[in-house]
Amino acid sequence: MRRELAIALVVLIIALTLAYAYISWWRPRKVSGWLFTVEVNGERFKVLVKDPELADVFRSMFRGERGGIVIGELRAGDGGFNKPWSWHLDPDTVHVAEVAIELCDGTPSFVEAELDYWLNVVKRYCPWNGKVVGEEPWYEQ
């Protein structure tokens, strides 16, 4: 009797584990934005774009069909997508500009090295030499 109970318990644990795995990992996830990789003088950072029209602008930049400067408000933390940096651009403020002031230009490592200054004084990041070099889907977390 004990052996049958132990077997039933093991089968139940396996079934629950598989059900959890299916719900957590294998169910289709909804794309809720796009992560674009921007390269600045050999360094890279990621930008989360949620607006489909803006994503099309980034794709045009990626294909080399248009220029522009990626710009957005800086926030502390990697935002869940901009590792290894301890900052990110607020997705709700990201856009592409034709011109930007020099104050917000720099490399990702320069922002990282002087993070307090960038977050509290500059407040925006706009790397003039930024090139969109990649795209991947972003899924709801």
N, C-alpha and C. Protein backbone atom coordinates (compact mmCIF):
# COMPACT_ATOMS: atom_id res chain seq x y z
N MET A 1 0.82 -1.19 0.00
CA MET A 1 0.00 0.00 0.00
C MET A 1 0.86 1.26 0.00
N ARG A 2 1.92 1.25 0.82
CA ARG A 2 2.80 2.41 0.87
C ARG A 2 3.50 2.62 -0.46
N ARG A 3 3.90 1.54 -1.09
CA ARG A 3 4.59 1.64 -2.37
C ARG A 3 3.67 2.24 -3.42
N GLU A 4 2.42 1.84 -3.46
CA GLU A 4 1.45 2.37 -4.42
C GLU A 4 1.19 3.86 -4.16
N LEU A 5 1.15 4.23 -2.89
CA LEU A 5 0.95 5.63 -2.54
C LEU A 5 2.16 6.47 -2.96
N ALA A 6 3.36 5.94 -2.77
CA ALA A 6 4.58 6.64 -3.17
C ALA A 6 4.62 6.82 -4.68
N ILE A 7 4.25 5.80 -5.43
CA ILE A 7 4.23 5.88 -6.89
C ILE A 7 3.21 6.92 -7.34
N ALA A 8 2.05 6.91 -6.72
CA ALA A 8 1.01 7.88 -7.08
C ALA A 8 1.48 9.29 -6.78
N LEU A 9 2.20 9.49 -5.68
CA LEU A 9 2.72 10.81 -5.32
C LEU A 9 3.77 11.28 -6.33
N VAL A 10 4.65 10.39 -6.74
CA VAL A 10 5.67 10.73 -7.74
C VAL A 10 5.00 11.10 -9.06
N VAL A 11 4.02 10.35 -9.49
CA VAL A 11 3.31 10.64 -10.73
C VAL A 11 2.62 12.00 -10.63
N LEU A 12 2.02 12.30 -9.49
CA LEU A 12 1.37 13.59 -9.30
C LEU A 12 2.37 14.74 -9.37
N ILE A 13 3.52 14.58 -8.74
CA ILE A 13 4.56 15.62 -8.77
C ILE A 13 5.06 15.84 -10.20
N ILE A 14 5.29 14.78 -10.93
CA ILE A 14 5.73 14.90 -12.32
C ILE A 14 4.66 15.61 -13.16
N ALA A 15 3.41 15.24 -12.97
CA ALA A 15 2.32 15.87 -13.74
C ALA A 15 2.22 17.36 -13.42
N LEU A 16 2.33 17.71 -12.16
CA LEU A 16 2.27 19.13 -11.78
C LEU A 16 3.47 19.90 -12.32
N THR A 17 4.63 19.28 -12.30
CA THR A 17 5.83 19.93 -12.84
C THR A 17 5.68 20.17 -14.33
N LEU A 18 5.20 19.19 -15.06
CA LEU A 18 5.00 19.36 -16.51
C LEU A 18 3.94 20.41 -16.81
N ALA A 19 2.87 20.43 -16.03
CA ALA A 19 1.83 21.45 -16.24
C ALA A 19 2.39 22.84 -15.99
N TYR A 20 3.17 23.00 -14.93
CA TYR A 20 3.79 24.29 -14.64
C TYR A 20 4.74 24.71 -15.76
N ALA A 21 5.55 23.77 -16.24
CA ALA A 21 6.49 24.08 -17.32
C ALA A 21 5.74 24.52 -18.58
N TYR A 22 4.66 23.86 -18.89
CA TYR A 22 3.88 24.22 -20.07
C TYR A 22 3.32 25.63 -19.92
N ILE A 23 2.73 25.92 -18.77
CA ILE A 23 2.12 27.23 -18.55
C ILE A 23 3.18 28.32 -18.53
N SER A 24 4.33 28.06 -17.93
CA SER A 24 5.36 29.07 -17.77
C SER A 24 6.23 29.27 -19.00
N TRP A 25 6.61 28.22 -19.67
CA TRP A 25 7.63 28.32 -20.70
C TRP A 25 7.13 28.06 -22.11
N TRP A 26 6.22 27.17 -22.29
CA TRP A 26 5.91 26.72 -23.64
C TRP A 26 4.68 27.36 -24.24
N ARG A 27 3.92 28.09 -23.46
CA ARG A 27 2.75 28.73 -24.03
C ARG A 27 3.20 29.87 -24.95
N PRO A 28 2.45 30.15 -25.97
CA PRO A 28 2.82 31.26 -26.84
C PRO A 28 2.79 32.57 -26.06
N ARG A 29 3.83 33.36 -26.27
CA ARG A 29 3.92 34.65 -25.58
C ARG A 29 3.58 35.76 -26.57
N LYS A 30 2.99 36.80 -26.05
CA LYS A 30 2.58 37.93 -26.88
C LYS A 30 3.73 38.93 -27.02
N VAL A 31 4.06 39.27 -28.25
CA VAL A 31 5.07 40.29 -28.49
C VAL A 31 4.47 41.63 -28.10
N SER A 32 5.17 42.35 -27.21
CA SER A 32 4.66 43.63 -26.75
C SER A 32 5.58 44.79 -27.10
N GLY A 33 6.59 44.51 -27.90
CA GLY A 33 7.52 45.55 -28.32
C GLY A 33 8.70 44.92 -29.03
N TRP A 34 9.69 45.76 -29.30
CA TRP A 34 10.87 45.30 -30.02
C TRP A 34 12.09 45.90 -29.36
N LEU A 35 13.11 45.08 -29.20
CA LEU A 35 14.39 45.55 -28.67
C LEU A 35 15.32 45.83 -29.85
N PHE A 36 15.80 47.04 -29.92
CA PHE A 36 16.75 47.41 -30.96
C PHE A 36 18.11 47.61 -30.31
N THR A 37 19.13 47.03 -30.92
CA THR A 37 20.49 47.19 -30.45
C THR A 37 21.10 48.37 -31.20
N VAL A 38 21.70 49.28 -30.43
CA VAL A 38 22.33 50.47 -31.00
C VAL A 38 23.82 50.40 -30.67
N GLU A 39 24.65 50.59 -31.69
CA GLU A 39 26.09 50.57 -31.50
C GLU A 39 26.63 51.99 -31.57
N VAL A 40 27.49 52.31 -30.62
CA VAL A 40 28.13 53.62 -30.55
C VAL A 40 29.63 53.40 -30.36
N ASN A 41 30.40 53.67 -31.38
CA ASN A 41 31.86 53.54 -31.30
C ASN A 41 32.29 52.19 -30.72
N GLY A 42 31.69 51.11 -31.19
CA GLY A 42 32.06 49.76 -30.76
C GLY A 42 31.37 49.27 -29.49
N GLU A 43 30.59 50.11 -28.84
CA GLU A 43 29.84 49.71 -27.65
C GLU A 43 28.36 49.61 -28.02
N ARG A 44 27.64 48.76 -27.31
CA ARG A 44 26.23 48.54 -27.64
C ARG A 44 25.33 48.73 -26.42
N PHE A 45 24.12 49.19 -26.70
CA PHE A 45 23.07 49.25 -25.69
C PHE A 45 21.76 48.91 -26.38
N LYS A 46 20.73 48.62 -25.61
CA LYS A 46 19.44 48.23 -26.18
C LYS A 46 18.36 49.23 -25.83
N VAL A 47 17.45 49.40 -26.78
CA VAL A 47 16.34 50.33 -26.65
C VAL A 47 15.05 49.53 -26.85
N LEU A 48 14.10 49.69 -25.93
CA LEU A 48 12.81 49.04 -26.06
C LEU A 48 11.84 50.00 -26.73
N VAL A 49 11.26 49.55 -27.85
CA VAL A 49 10.29 50.35 -28.61
C VAL A 49 8.96 49.61 -28.58
N LYS A 50 7.92 50.30 -28.13
CA LYS A 50 6.60 49.67 -28.03
C LYS A 50 5.66 50.11 -29.15
N ASP A 51 5.92 51.23 -29.76
CA ASP A 51 5.06 51.77 -30.82
C ASP A 51 5.44 51.17 -32.17
N PRO A 52 4.51 50.50 -32.86
CA PRO A 52 4.83 49.87 -34.15
C PRO A 52 5.35 50.85 -35.21
N GLU A 53 4.82 52.07 -35.23
CA GLU A 53 5.30 53.05 -36.22
C GLU A 53 6.74 53.46 -35.94
N LEU A 54 7.07 53.65 -34.67
CA LEU A 54 8.45 53.97 -34.31
C LEU A 54 9.36 52.78 -34.60
N ALA A 55 8.87 51.58 -34.37
CA ALA A 55 9.66 50.38 -34.70
C ALA A 55 9.99 50.35 -36.18
N ASP A 56 9.06 50.78 -37.03
CA ASP A 56 9.33 50.84 -38.48
C ASP A 56 10.43 51.85 -38.79
N VAL A 57 10.46 52.96 -38.05
CA VAL A 57 11.54 53.95 -38.23
C VAL A 57 12.88 53.32 -37.86
N PHE A 58 12.92 52.61 -36.74
CA PHE A 58 14.15 51.94 -36.32
C PHE A 58 14.58 50.89 -37.37
N ARG A 59 13.62 50.17 -37.93
CA ARG A 59 13.95 49.18 -38.96
C ARG A 59 14.54 49.85 -40.20
N SER A 60 14.02 51.00 -40.56
CA SER A 60 14.57 51.75 -41.70
C SER A 60 16.01 52.17 -41.40
N MET A 61 16.27 52.55 -40.18
CA MET A 61 17.64 52.90 -39.79
C MET A 61 18.54 51.66 -39.85
N PHE A 62 18.02 50.53 -39.39
CA PHE A 62 18.76 49.28 -39.41
C PHE A 62 19.14 48.89 -40.84
N ARG A 63 18.23 49.09 -41.77
CA ARG A 63 18.49 48.77 -43.18
C ARG A 63 19.33 49.84 -43.88
N GLY A 64 19.62 50.93 -43.19
CA GLY A 64 20.42 51.99 -43.78
C GLY A 64 19.63 52.90 -44.71
N GLU A 65 18.31 52.86 -44.62
CA GLU A 65 17.46 53.66 -45.50
C GLU A 65 17.25 55.08 -44.99
N ARG A 66 17.57 55.31 -43.74
CA ARG A 66 17.42 56.65 -43.18
C ARG A 66 18.38 56.82 -42.02
N GLY A 67 18.65 58.05 -41.70
CA GLY A 67 19.51 58.37 -40.57
C GLY A 67 18.65 58.84 -39.41
N GLY A 68 19.31 59.37 -38.42
CA GLY A 68 18.62 59.90 -37.26
C GLY A 68 19.38 59.60 -36.00
N ILE A 69 18.99 60.27 -34.95
CA ILE A 69 19.62 60.11 -33.64
C ILE A 69 18.60 59.50 -32.69
N VAL A 70 18.94 58.37 -32.11
CA VAL A 70 18.09 57.75 -31.10
C VAL A 70 18.21 58.60 -29.84
N ILE A 71 17.07 58.95 -29.27
CA ILE A 71 17.08 59.80 -28.09
C ILE A 71 15.98 59.35 -27.13
N GLY A 72 16.25 59.50 -25.84
CA GLY A 72 15.25 59.16 -24.83
C GLY A 72 15.71 59.59 -23.46
N GLU A 73 14.78 59.60 -22.52
CA GLU A 73 15.10 59.97 -21.14
C GLU A 73 15.75 58.80 -20.42
N LEU A 74 16.80 59.12 -19.69
CA LEU A 74 17.54 58.11 -18.93
C LEU A 74 16.82 57.73 -17.65
N ARG A 75 16.89 56.46 -17.32
CA ARG A 75 16.36 55.93 -16.06
C ARG A 75 17.41 55.02 -15.43
N ALA A 76 17.42 54.95 -14.12
CA ALA A 76 18.33 54.06 -13.40
C ALA A 76 17.90 52.61 -13.58
N GLY A 77 18.86 51.70 -13.54
CA GLY A 77 18.60 50.27 -13.70
C GLY A 77 18.61 49.89 -15.16
N ASP A 78 18.76 48.60 -15.42
CA ASP A 78 18.84 48.16 -16.81
C ASP A 78 17.48 48.02 -17.48
N GLY A 79 16.40 48.24 -16.74
CA GLY A 79 15.05 48.17 -17.31
C GLY A 79 14.62 46.76 -17.67
N GLY A 80 15.44 45.78 -17.35
CA GLY A 80 15.13 44.40 -17.73
C GLY A 80 15.59 44.04 -19.13
N PHE A 81 16.26 44.96 -19.80
CA PHE A 81 16.66 44.69 -21.19
C PHE A 81 18.01 45.30 -21.59
N ASN A 82 18.61 46.14 -20.78
CA ASN A 82 19.82 46.85 -21.21
C ASN A 82 21.06 46.44 -20.42
N LYS A 83 21.21 45.15 -20.17
CA LYS A 83 22.41 44.66 -19.49
C LYS A 83 23.58 44.75 -20.46
N PRO A 84 24.76 45.04 -20.04
CA PRO A 84 25.26 45.08 -18.67
C PRO A 84 25.18 46.47 -18.03
N TRP A 85 24.55 47.40 -18.69
CA TRP A 85 24.50 48.78 -18.19
C TRP A 85 23.52 48.92 -17.03
N SER A 86 23.80 49.86 -16.13
CA SER A 86 22.91 50.09 -14.99
C SER A 86 22.01 51.30 -15.26
N TRP A 87 21.64 51.49 -16.51
CA TRP A 87 20.74 52.55 -16.96
C TRP A 87 20.00 52.06 -18.19
N HIS A 88 18.93 52.74 -18.53
CA HIS A 88 18.19 52.43 -19.76
C HIS A 88 17.43 53.67 -20.21
N LEU A 89 16.96 53.65 -21.43
CA LEU A 89 16.11 54.72 -21.92
C LEU A 89 14.66 54.35 -21.64
N ASP A 90 13.90 55.29 -21.10
CA ASP A 90 12.49 55.08 -20.81
C ASP A 90 11.77 54.82 -22.13
N PRO A 91 11.17 53.63 -22.32
CA PRO A 91 10.52 53.30 -23.59
C PRO A 91 9.44 54.30 -24.01
N ASP A 92 8.80 54.94 -23.05
CA ASP A 92 7.73 55.88 -23.37
C ASP A 92 8.26 57.22 -23.90
N THR A 93 9.58 57.42 -23.81
CA THR A 93 10.16 58.68 -24.27
C THR A 93 11.08 58.52 -25.48
N VAL A 94 11.31 57.29 -25.90
CA VAL A 94 12.24 57.04 -27.01
C VAL A 94 11.66 57.57 -28.32
N HIS A 95 12.50 58.24 -29.08
CA HIS A 95 12.13 58.69 -30.42
C HIS A 95 13.40 58.87 -31.24
N VAL A 96 13.23 59.24 -32.49
CA VAL A 96 14.36 59.49 -33.38
C VAL A 96 14.32 60.95 -33.78
N ALA A 97 15.44 61.64 -33.60
CA ALA A 97 15.53 63.06 -33.93
C ALA A 97 16.52 63.25 -35.08
N GLU A 98 16.36 64.35 -35.78
CA GLU A 98 17.30 64.69 -36.85
C GLU A 98 18.54 65.38 -36.28
N VAL A 99 18.35 66.16 -35.21
CA VAL A 99 19.45 66.85 -34.54
C VAL A 99 19.23 66.76 -33.04
N ALA A 100 20.32 66.92 -32.28
CA ALA A 100 20.23 66.92 -30.82
C ALA A 100 21.41 67.70 -30.27
N ILE A 101 21.24 68.23 -29.07
CA ILE A 101 22.33 68.99 -28.47
C ILE A 101 23.48 68.07 -28.10
N GLU A 102 24.67 68.61 -28.08
CA GLU A 102 25.86 67.81 -27.82
C GLU A 102 25.91 67.29 -26.38
N LEU A 103 25.25 67.96 -25.47
CA LEU A 103 25.29 67.58 -24.06
C LEU A 103 24.88 66.13 -23.84
N CYS A 104 23.92 65.62 -24.61
CA CYS A 104 23.43 64.25 -24.38
C CYS A 104 24.14 63.21 -25.24
N ASP A 105 25.19 63.61 -25.97
CA ASP A 105 25.97 62.70 -26.81
C ASP A 105 27.05 62.02 -25.97
N GLY A 106 27.36 60.79 -26.29
CA GLY A 106 28.43 60.07 -25.61
C GLY A 106 28.32 58.58 -25.86
N THR A 107 29.23 57.85 -25.30
CA THR A 107 29.21 56.39 -25.41
C THR A 107 28.47 55.81 -24.21
N PRO A 108 27.98 54.58 -24.34
CA PRO A 108 27.32 53.94 -23.18
C PRO A 108 28.22 53.87 -21.95
N SER A 109 29.50 53.60 -22.14
CA SER A 109 30.41 53.50 -20.99
C SER A 109 30.62 54.86 -20.33
N PHE A 110 30.56 55.94 -21.10
CA PHE A 110 30.68 57.28 -20.54
C PHE A 110 29.47 57.58 -19.66
N VAL A 111 28.28 57.19 -20.11
CA VAL A 111 27.08 57.36 -19.29
C VAL A 111 27.23 56.54 -18.00
N GLU A 112 27.67 55.31 -18.13
CA GLU A 112 27.84 54.43 -16.98
C GLU A 112 28.83 55.01 -15.97
N ALA A 113 29.95 55.54 -16.46
CA ALA A 113 31.00 56.05 -15.58
C ALA A 113 30.56 57.28 -14.80
N GLU A 114 29.68 58.06 -15.37
CA GLU A 114 29.21 59.30 -14.73
C GLU A 114 27.69 59.26 -14.56
N LEU A 115 27.16 58.14 -14.11
CA LEU A 115 25.73 57.88 -14.12
C LEU A 115 24.93 58.91 -13.33
N ASP A 116 25.38 59.28 -12.15
CA ASP A 116 24.63 60.27 -11.36
C ASP A 116 24.49 61.59 -12.13
N TYR A 117 25.56 62.02 -12.75
CA TYR A 117 25.53 63.25 -13.54
C TYR A 117 24.53 63.13 -14.69
N TRP A 118 24.58 62.02 -15.40
CA TRP A 118 23.69 61.82 -16.54
C TRP A 118 22.22 61.75 -16.11
N LEU A 119 21.97 61.03 -15.02
CA LEU A 119 20.58 60.89 -14.55
C LEU A 119 20.01 62.19 -13.99
N ASN A 120 20.82 62.96 -13.29
CA ASN A 120 20.32 64.13 -12.58
C ASN A 120 20.53 65.47 -13.28
N VAL A 121 21.49 65.54 -14.19
CA VAL A 121 21.78 66.80 -14.88
C VAL A 121 21.39 66.73 -16.35
N VAL A 122 21.96 65.77 -17.06
CA VAL A 122 21.71 65.65 -18.51
C VAL A 122 20.30 65.12 -18.76
N LYS A 123 19.95 64.05 -18.09
CA LYS A 123 18.62 63.43 -18.09
C LYS A 123 18.21 62.76 -19.39
N ARG A 124 18.94 62.93 -20.46
CA ARG A 124 18.64 62.30 -21.75
C ARG A 124 19.92 61.71 -22.33
N TYR A 125 19.74 60.77 -23.23
CA TYR A 125 20.88 60.20 -23.94
C TYR A 125 20.58 60.25 -25.42
N CYS A 126 21.54 60.74 -26.20
CA CYS A 126 21.34 60.88 -27.65
C CYS A 126 22.67 60.70 -28.38
N PRO A 127 23.15 59.49 -28.49
CA PRO A 127 24.45 59.27 -29.13
C PRO A 127 24.40 59.61 -30.62
N TRP A 128 25.13 60.65 -31.00
CA TRP A 128 25.13 61.11 -32.39
C TRP A 128 25.61 60.03 -33.35
N ASN A 129 26.58 59.23 -32.92
CA ASN A 129 27.14 58.20 -33.80
C ASN A 129 26.45 56.85 -33.66
N GLY A 130 25.28 56.82 -33.02
CA GLY A 130 24.57 55.56 -32.81
C GLY A 130 24.04 54.98 -34.12
N LYS A 131 24.25 53.71 -34.29
CA LYS A 131 23.76 52.97 -35.46
C LYS A 131 22.92 51.80 -34.98
N VAL A 132 21.72 51.64 -35.53
CA VAL A 132 20.88 50.50 -35.18
C VAL A 132 21.46 49.28 -35.88
N VAL A 133 21.83 48.26 -35.09
CA VAL A 133 22.52 47.09 -35.65
C VAL A 133 21.78 45.78 -35.40
N GLY A 134 20.64 45.83 -34.74
CA GLY A 134 19.92 44.58 -34.48
C GLY A 134 18.52 44.83 -33.97
N GLU A 135 17.69 43.79 -34.11
CA GLU A 135 16.31 43.83 -33.64
C GLU A 135 15.91 42.46 -33.14
N GLU A 136 15.13 42.43 -32.07
CA GLU A 136 14.57 41.18 -31.56
C GLU A 136 13.21 41.50 -30.91
N PRO A 137 12.32 40.54 -30.87
CA PRO A 137 11.02 40.79 -30.25
C PRO A 137 11.15 40.91 -28.74
N TRP A 138 10.23 41.66 -28.14
CA TRP A 138 10.16 41.80 -26.69
C TRP A 138 8.81 41.24 -26.25
N TYR A 139 8.85 40.37 -25.29
CA TYR A 139 7.64 39.71 -24.82
C TYR A 139 7.22 40.29 -23.47
N GLU A 140 5.91 40.32 -23.24
CA GLU A 140 5.39 40.78 -21.96
C GLU A 140 6.04 39.98 -20.85
N GLN A 141 6.39 40.67 -19.80
CA GLN A 141 7.05 40.01 -18.68
C GLN A 141 6.06 39.59 -17.63
